């Protein structure tokens, strides 16, 4: 068992609260494996994620050069390159900060494994901005404000991979409303949502009082999730104009924390709801 696995959950919170306030850039923390925005730098992983989301949905303009949007691309714009190879005419990548690596070496291996039109990679892009232009990638890094700049009914496919849980609780409904606004009437969304804590994969985040958990101190320290459960997420999706299809649910065999030890908001939820650890949903305009 690793040292991290042996540490109590509260000590991980304390450590991240301290580390997040040190004058150290994100790149250093990423290299140390302490803070990381996903795994999309890996070409095989990026291709697998894109194929997974495309494989579970259908939409009107799939064969005509569709427009895609990934919410939370993380450390790479690889999703835009992959989507172009899979038929997208353009891809919006919307994140809460400028986290993507901009050195072209990050993307050369991806060019190699994808069956790309030679016109896209010959000659090879010479800068990050030329890469974005070549693959028709719109990379925006101001979260909800960025979503609000995208025209109504202009996107065919929206997807996210372990991102929805990181949206601030106060912004989840507004974000979902924007996704519905920009989605075409025959478009579709596919979201993979991790309901576990980001302290070790349990449910210890459900112990912390709401006012503490939602404080700016906690929310900016690298372990925040909005703690929404399946019923709450489905309710938000429906209120925002979506028809919800539960594609996959994964559950713990046994609840990792006694329900009596949870913050009051979660104590009265059905045990069946609390047992859900991961959720994959497909959303259609209602």
Protein backbone atom coordinates (compact mmCIF):
# COMPACT_ATOMS: atom_id res chain seq x y z
CA UNK A 1 0.00 0.00 0.00
CA UNK A 2 1.35 3.44 -0.94
CA UNK A 3 2.02 6.14 1.63
CA UNK A 4 -0.82 8.23 0.17
CA UNK A 5 -3.27 5.36 0.59
CA UNK A 6 -2.31 5.02 4.27
CA UNK A 7 -2.86 8.69 5.09
CA UNK A 8 -6.21 9.64 6.67
CA UNK A 9 -8.53 11.61 4.40
CA UNK A 10 -8.43 14.75 6.53
CA UNK A 11 -4.63 14.89 6.35
CA UNK A 12 -4.84 14.93 2.54
CA UNK A 13 -7.18 17.91 2.72
CA UNK A 14 -4.81 19.69 5.10
CA UNK A 15 -1.81 18.99 2.87
CA UNK A 16 -3.53 20.23 -0.28
CA UNK A 17 -4.79 23.35 1.47
CA UNK A 18 -1.17 24.20 2.31
CA UNK A 19 0.38 23.16 -1.01
CA UNK A 20 -2.16 25.06 -3.10
CA UNK A 21 -1.04 28.30 -1.44
CA UNK A 22 2.68 27.93 -2.06
CA UNK A 23 4.15 30.18 -4.80
CA UNK A 24 4.67 27.25 -7.16
CA UNK A 25 3.32 27.02 -10.71
CA UNK A 26 0.89 24.35 -11.88
CA UNK A 27 3.53 22.76 -14.10
CA UNK A 28 5.68 21.89 -11.09
CA UNK A 29 2.78 20.31 -9.19
CA UNK A 30 1.83 18.35 -12.30
CA UNK A 31 5.34 16.94 -12.69
CA UNK A 32 5.24 15.89 -9.03
CA UNK A 33 1.86 14.23 -9.56
CA UNK A 34 0.15 16.33 -6.88
CA UNK A 35 -2.24 18.34 -9.06
CA UNK A 36 -3.27 17.33 -12.56
CA UNK A 37 -6.06 18.29 -14.96
CA UNK A 38 -6.80 14.89 -16.48
CA UNK A 39 -4.76 12.60 -18.74
CA UNK A 40 -5.50 14.03 -22.18
CA UNK A 41 -1.79 14.51 -22.88
CA UNK A 42 -1.63 10.76 -23.57
CA UNK A 43 -2.46 10.22 -27.28
CA UNK A 44 -3.96 6.77 -26.71
CA UNK A 45 -6.05 8.02 -23.80
CA UNK A 46 -7.31 11.06 -25.73
CA UNK A 47 -8.30 8.89 -28.68
CA UNK A 48 -9.99 6.35 -26.42
CA UNK A 49 -12.04 9.01 -24.60
CA UNK A 50 -13.23 10.61 -27.84
CA UNK A 51 -14.19 7.26 -29.34
CA UNK A 52 -16.02 6.29 -26.15
CA UNK A 53 -18.23 9.36 -26.20
CA UNK A 54 -18.84 9.21 -29.96
CA UNK A 55 -19.60 5.50 -29.75
CA UNK A 56 -22.51 5.92 -27.34
CA UNK A 57 -24.40 8.66 -29.20
CA UNK A 58 -25.94 9.58 -32.53
CA UNK A 59 -26.84 13.03 -33.83
CA UNK A 60 -28.14 14.69 -36.95
CA UNK A 61 -25.01 15.98 -38.70
CA UNK A 62 -22.59 13.24 -37.72
CA UNK A 63 -21.64 12.48 -41.33
CA UNK A 64 -21.68 16.09 -42.55
CA UNK A 65 -18.83 17.74 -40.66
CA UNK A 66 -20.22 18.32 -37.19
CA UNK A 67 -19.28 20.86 -34.53
CA UNK A 68 -18.12 19.45 -31.18
CA UNK A 69 -17.44 20.91 -27.75
CA UNK A 70 -15.45 19.40 -24.91
CA UNK A 71 -16.03 20.83 -21.46
CA UNK A 72 -12.76 20.77 -19.51
CA UNK A 73 -10.04 19.57 -21.92
CA UNK A 74 -7.39 19.90 -19.19
CA UNK A 75 -3.70 19.59 -20.00
CA UNK A 76 -4.01 19.24 -23.76
CA UNK A 77 -6.00 20.31 -26.82
CA UNK A 78 -5.64 16.76 -28.15
CA UNK A 79 -9.42 16.33 -28.16
CA UNK A 80 -9.70 18.91 -30.94
CA UNK A 81 -7.12 17.08 -33.04
CA UNK A 82 -8.82 13.74 -32.44
CA UNK A 83 -12.29 15.10 -33.22
CA UNK A 84 -11.04 16.50 -36.52
CA UNK A 85 -9.76 13.03 -37.44
CA UNK A 86 -13.18 11.57 -36.56
CA UNK A 87 -15.15 13.92 -38.79
CA UNK A 88 -15.61 17.19 -36.88
CA UNK A 89 -15.46 20.40 -38.89
CA UNK A 90 -14.62 22.39 -35.75
CA UNK A 91 -14.22 21.86 -32.01
CA UNK A 92 -14.70 24.21 -29.07
CA UNK A 93 -12.56 23.38 -26.05
CA UNK A 94 -13.78 25.28 -22.98
CA UNK A 95 -11.91 25.23 -19.68
CA UNK A 96 -11.69 27.25 -16.47
CA UNK A 97 -8.05 28.20 -17.07
CA UNK A 98 -5.23 27.95 -19.61
CA UNK A 99 -3.98 24.52 -18.61
CA UNK A 100 -3.14 22.98 -22.01
CA UNK A 101 0.48 22.38 -22.90
CA UNK A 102 1.49 24.48 -25.88
CA UNK A 103 4.72 22.79 -26.98
CA UNK A 104 4.16 20.90 -30.24
CA UNK A 105 6.09 17.85 -29.06
CA UNK A 106 3.04 17.03 -26.95
CA UNK A 107 1.01 16.54 -30.15
CA UNK A 108 3.49 14.91 -32.56
CA UNK A 109 2.83 11.40 -31.26
CA UNK A 110 -0.90 12.04 -31.68
CA UNK A 111 -0.35 13.05 -35.31
CA UNK A 112 1.50 9.78 -35.83
CA UNK A 113 -1.19 7.44 -34.49
CA UNK A 114 -4.15 9.21 -36.12
CA UNK A 115 -5.17 8.64 -39.72
CA UNK A 116 -5.02 12.33 -40.61
CA UNK A 117 -5.49 14.07 -43.92
CA UNK A 118 -1.91 14.94 -44.99
CA UNK A 119 -3.05 18.53 -45.59
CA UNK A 120 -3.51 18.88 -41.82
CA UNK A 121 0.04 17.93 -40.86
CA UNK A 122 2.16 18.68 -43.93
CA UNK A 123 3.87 20.96 -43.30
CA UNK A 124 3.67 20.47 -39.56
CA UNK A 125 2.20 23.37 -37.54
CA UNK A 126 4.99 25.60 -36.24
CA UNK A 127 3.25 27.08 -33.18
CA UNK A 128 0.40 26.40 -30.79
CA UNK A 129 -1.76 29.04 -32.46
CA UNK A 130 -1.13 27.55 -35.90
CA UNK A 131 -2.07 24.12 -34.51
CA UNK A 132 -5.38 25.54 -33.30
CA UNK A 133 -6.03 27.17 -36.66
CA UNK A 134 -5.06 24.09 -38.67
CA UNK A 135 -7.47 21.84 -36.76
CA UNK A 136 -10.25 24.44 -36.39
CA UNK A 137 -9.96 24.41 -32.59
CA UNK A 138 -11.51 27.23 -30.57
CA UNK A 139 -9.67 27.07 -27.23
CA UNK A 140 -11.34 29.20 -24.56
CA UNK A 141 -10.31 29.39 -20.92
CA UNK A 142 -12.84 31.48 -19.02
CA UNK A 143 -15.35 28.80 -18.06
CA UNK A 144 -18.96 29.92 -17.97
CA UNK A 145 -18.10 33.28 -19.54
CA UNK A 146 -16.56 31.45 -22.49
CA UNK A 147 -19.65 29.29 -22.97
CA UNK A 148 -21.75 32.44 -23.17
CA UNK A 149 -19.81 33.60 -26.25
CA UNK A 150 -20.81 30.55 -28.32
CA UNK A 151 -23.81 31.10 -30.65
CA UNK A 152 -27.21 29.52 -30.00
CA UNK A 153 -27.91 26.07 -31.50
CA UNK A 154 -24.46 25.83 -33.10
CA UNK A 155 -22.99 22.64 -31.57
CA UNK A 156 -23.85 19.04 -32.48
CA UNK A 157 -21.95 17.11 -29.81
CA UNK A 158 -21.00 18.17 -26.28
CA UNK A 159 -19.01 15.91 -24.00
CA UNK A 160 -17.05 15.93 -20.77
CA UNK A 161 -14.94 13.33 -19.02
CA UNK A 162 -14.78 13.52 -15.21
CA UNK A 163 -15.30 17.29 -15.37
CA UNK A 164 -18.92 17.96 -14.42
CA UNK A 165 -18.25 17.16 -10.78
CA UNK A 166 -15.63 19.94 -10.65
CA UNK A 167 -18.00 22.73 -11.70
CA UNK A 168 -18.70 24.96 -8.71
CA UNK A 169 -22.05 24.10 -7.15
CA UNK A 170 -23.32 27.64 -7.67
CA UNK A 171 -22.53 27.41 -11.42
CA UNK A 172 -23.77 23.93 -12.33
CA UNK A 173 -27.26 25.00 -13.35
CA UNK A 174 -26.04 28.06 -15.26
CA UNK A 175 -23.45 25.93 -17.07
CA UNK A 176 -26.06 23.32 -17.98
CA UNK A 177 -28.39 26.06 -19.23
CA UNK A 178 -25.64 27.34 -21.53
CA UNK A 179 -24.95 23.85 -22.87
CA UNK A 180 -28.63 23.46 -23.71
CA UNK A 181 -28.66 26.88 -25.40
CA UNK A 182 -25.74 26.14 -27.71
CA UNK A 183 -26.82 22.58 -28.57
CA UNK A 184 -28.65 22.03 -31.84
CA UNK A 185 -32.19 20.62 -31.62
CA UNK A 186 -30.91 17.27 -32.94
CA UNK A 187 -27.63 17.42 -30.98
CA UNK A 188 -26.56 15.33 -28.00
CA UNK A 189 -24.41 15.50 -24.84
CA UNK A 190 -22.35 12.70 -23.29
CA UNK A 191 -20.94 13.14 -19.78
CA UNK A 192 -18.86 10.84 -17.59
CA UNK A 193 -19.20 12.02 -13.97
CA UNK A 194 -17.09 10.80 -11.05
CA UNK A 195 -19.11 10.96 -7.81
CA UNK A 196 -16.26 9.74 -5.59
CA UNK A 197 -14.09 12.03 -3.51
CA UNK A 198 -10.79 13.17 -5.00
CA UNK A 199 -8.91 12.33 -1.83
CA UNK A 200 -8.60 8.61 -2.46
CA UNK A 201 -11.72 7.49 -4.29
CA UNK A 202 -14.06 7.15 -1.32
CA UNK A 203 -16.91 9.26 0.03
CA UNK A 204 -15.11 11.24 2.71
CA UNK A 205 -15.92 14.51 0.95
CA UNK A 206 -19.54 13.98 2.01
CA UNK A 207 -18.54 14.39 5.67
CA UNK A 208 -17.54 18.06 5.42
CA UNK A 209 -20.09 20.78 6.31
CA UNK A 210 -21.47 22.61 3.28
CA UNK A 211 -20.29 26.10 4.30
CA UNK A 212 -16.73 24.81 4.71
CA UNK A 213 -16.69 22.70 1.56
CA UNK A 214 -18.07 25.51 -0.61
CA UNK A 215 -15.69 28.12 0.78
CA UNK A 216 -13.21 29.69 -1.63
CA UNK A 217 -10.37 28.17 0.39
CA UNK A 218 -11.56 24.61 -0.19
CA UNK A 219 -12.80 25.18 -3.73
CA UNK A 220 -9.41 26.46 -4.91
CA UNK A 221 -7.25 23.71 -3.42
CA UNK A 222 -7.31 20.97 -6.03
CA UNK A 223 -9.72 18.46 -4.47
CA UNK A 224 -13.07 20.24 -4.83
CA UNK A 225 -16.11 18.54 -6.33
CA UNK A 226 -19.67 19.83 -6.16
CA UNK A 227 -20.86 16.62 -4.38
CA UNK A 228 -24.06 16.41 -6.45
CA UNK A 229 -25.58 12.93 -6.47
CA UNK A 230 -27.42 11.23 -9.32
CA UNK A 231 -30.94 12.40 -8.39
CA UNK A 232 -29.75 15.99 -8.04
CA UNK A 233 -27.90 15.92 -11.36
CA UNK A 234 -30.84 14.42 -13.20
CA UNK A 235 -33.13 17.07 -11.72
CA UNK A 236 -30.80 19.86 -12.91
CA UNK A 237 -30.49 18.38 -16.40
CA UNK A 238 -34.26 18.12 -16.72
CA UNK A 239 -34.87 21.64 -15.42
CA UNK A 240 -32.44 22.96 -18.01
CA UNK A 241 -34.32 21.34 -20.90
CA UNK A 242 -32.74 17.92 -21.34
CA UNK A 243 -34.12 14.42 -21.55
CA UNK A 244 -31.80 12.21 -19.51
CA UNK A 245 -30.63 8.72 -20.43
CA UNK A 246 -28.55 6.92 -17.80
CA UNK A 247 -25.99 5.06 -19.87
CA UNK A 248 -23.94 3.48 -17.06
CA UNK A 249 -23.89 3.47 -13.27
CA UNK A 250 -21.11 2.04 -11.15
CA UNK A 251 -21.60 1.38 -7.46
CA UNK A 252 -19.63 0.53 -4.40
CA UNK A 253 -20.34 -2.92 -3.05
CA UNK A 254 -20.44 -1.35 0.40
CA UNK A 255 -20.78 2.32 1.31
CA UNK A 256 -17.25 3.50 2.25
CA UNK A 257 -18.53 5.78 5.04
CA UNK A 258 -21.39 5.26 7.46
CA UNK A 259 -24.33 7.43 6.45
CA UNK A 260 -24.66 8.70 10.01
CA UNK A 261 -21.20 10.32 9.69
CA UNK A 262 -22.09 12.32 6.59
CA UNK A 263 -22.91 16.01 6.45
CA UNK A 264 -26.60 16.56 7.20
CA UNK A 265 -27.51 17.20 3.54
CA UNK A 266 -26.57 13.62 2.67
CA UNK A 267 -27.86 11.77 5.73
CA UNK A 268 -31.46 11.67 4.49
CA UNK A 269 -30.68 10.63 0.94
CA UNK A 270 -31.67 7.08 -0.01
CA UNK A 271 -28.78 4.70 0.59
CA UNK A 272 -29.19 3.52 -3.00
CA UNK A 273 -28.24 7.02 -4.19
CA UNK A 274 -25.16 7.23 -2.03
CA UNK A 275 -23.86 3.90 -3.32
CA UNK A 276 -23.38 5.28 -6.84
CA UNK A 277 -19.70 6.03 -7.44
CA UNK A 278 -19.66 6.85 -11.16
CA UNK A 279 -22.27 7.93 -13.67
CA UNK A 280 -22.37 8.17 -17.45
CA UNK A 281 -25.29 10.07 -18.96
CA UNK A 282 -26.51 10.94 -22.44
CA UNK A 283 -28.60 14.11 -22.74
CA UNK A 284 -31.00 14.97 -25.56
CA UNK A 285 -32.94 18.21 -25.98
CA UNK A 286 -36.37 17.66 -24.44
